[in-house]
Protein backbone atom coordinates (compact mmCIF):
# COMPACT_ATOMS: atom_id res chain seq x y z
CA MET A 1 9.95 -162.15 -98.33
CA PRO A 2 8.26 -165.47 -97.57
CA ASN A 3 5.82 -166.97 -100.03
CA ILE A 4 4.52 -169.87 -97.94
CA LYS A 5 1.62 -169.17 -95.61
CA SER A 6 3.26 -170.72 -92.52
CA ALA A 7 6.47 -168.78 -93.16
CA LYS A 8 4.48 -165.52 -93.37
CA LYS A 9 2.91 -166.35 -90.03
CA ARG A 10 6.32 -167.07 -88.49
CA VAL A 11 7.54 -163.63 -89.61
CA LYS A 12 4.58 -161.99 -87.84
CA VAL A 13 4.97 -164.08 -84.68
CA THR A 14 8.71 -163.41 -84.53
CA ALA A 15 8.14 -159.67 -84.89
CA VAL A 16 5.65 -159.65 -82.01
CA LYS A 17 7.89 -161.73 -79.75
CA SER A 18 10.94 -159.62 -80.58
CA LEU A 19 9.04 -156.47 -79.66
CA TYR A 20 7.89 -158.05 -76.39
CA ASN A 21 11.44 -159.12 -75.51
CA GLN A 22 12.75 -155.66 -76.40
CA MET A 23 10.16 -154.01 -74.12
CA PHE A 24 10.95 -156.38 -71.28
CA LYS A 25 14.71 -155.83 -71.63
CA SER A 26 14.19 -152.06 -71.70
CA ARG A 27 12.10 -152.27 -68.51
CA MET A 28 14.82 -154.34 -66.85
CA ARG A 29 17.49 -151.80 -67.80
CA THR A 30 15.32 -148.96 -66.46
CA LEU A 31 14.95 -150.72 -63.10
CA ILE A 32 18.71 -151.26 -62.98
CA LYS A 33 19.29 -147.56 -63.62
CA LYS A 34 16.82 -146.68 -60.85
CA TYR A 35 18.75 -148.97 -58.50
CA ASP A 36 22.03 -147.27 -59.39
CA ALA A 37 20.41 -143.87 -58.83
CA ALA A 38 19.10 -144.98 -55.42
CA LEU A 39 22.60 -146.13 -54.47
CA ALA A 40 24.08 -142.81 -55.58
CA SER A 41 21.53 -140.86 -53.52
CA GLY A 42 22.57 -142.71 -50.37
CA ASP A 43 19.03 -143.63 -49.30
CA LYS A 44 19.28 -147.21 -48.05
CA ALA A 45 15.52 -147.84 -47.88
CA ALA A 46 15.01 -146.67 -51.47
CA ALA A 47 18.02 -148.71 -52.55
CA GLN A 48 16.58 -151.87 -50.97
CA GLU A 49 13.25 -151.39 -52.74
CA ALA A 50 14.98 -150.73 -56.05
CA TYR A 51 17.20 -153.78 -55.44
CA LYS A 52 14.15 -156.02 -55.02
CA ALA A 53 12.56 -154.70 -58.20
CA ALA A 54 15.77 -155.03 -60.23
CA VAL A 55 16.48 -158.58 -59.05
CA LYS A 56 12.89 -159.62 -59.79
CA ALA A 57 13.13 -158.20 -63.31
CA ILE A 58 16.45 -159.98 -63.88
CA ASP A 59 15.03 -163.30 -62.68
CA GLN A 60 12.03 -162.89 -64.98
CA ALA A 61 14.34 -162.12 -67.90
CA VAL A 62 16.25 -165.34 -67.25
CA SER A 63 13.07 -167.39 -67.06
CA ARG A 64 11.94 -165.96 -70.41
CA GLY A 65 15.33 -166.56 -72.02
CA ILE A 66 16.07 -162.88 -72.60
CA ILE A 67 19.41 -162.95 -70.78
CA HIS A 68 21.72 -165.82 -69.82
CA LYS A 69 21.58 -167.17 -66.27
CA ASN A 70 25.29 -166.50 -65.67
CA ASN A 71 24.83 -162.90 -66.75
CA ALA A 72 21.95 -162.59 -64.28
CA ALA A 73 23.97 -164.18 -61.49
CA ARG A 74 26.82 -161.76 -62.11
CA LYS A 75 24.47 -158.74 -62.07
CA LYS A 76 22.67 -159.85 -58.91
CA SER A 77 25.95 -160.57 -57.12
CA SER A 78 27.28 -157.15 -58.04
CA PHE A 79 24.05 -155.47 -56.87
CA THR A 80 24.15 -157.34 -53.56
CA VAL A 81 27.76 -156.34 -52.91
CA LYS A 82 26.98 -152.69 -53.67
CA LEU A 83 23.96 -152.74 -51.36
CA ASN A 84 25.87 -154.41 -48.52
CA THR A 85 28.81 -152.03 -48.73
CA MET A 86 26.45 -149.06 -48.52
CA ALA A 87 26.92 -147.69 -45.02
């Protein structure tokens, strides 16, 4: 438990930022699951919309430092391949 005033503030700020990052990551995962569900249903239009939303969320996560850029590139590449192979 911190005793110094600035350290107490850092604990509060870190807790708020951690919660925000957790919410954002959860939202990103939800959009990814929706994309996978759209692929499984076979509806190409729904899959394309879900793809756009998932890629946007991944790009935002990278810009905020929530996930690594190589991780994002791998996810987006995989999503693109899945969408393109969908007949």
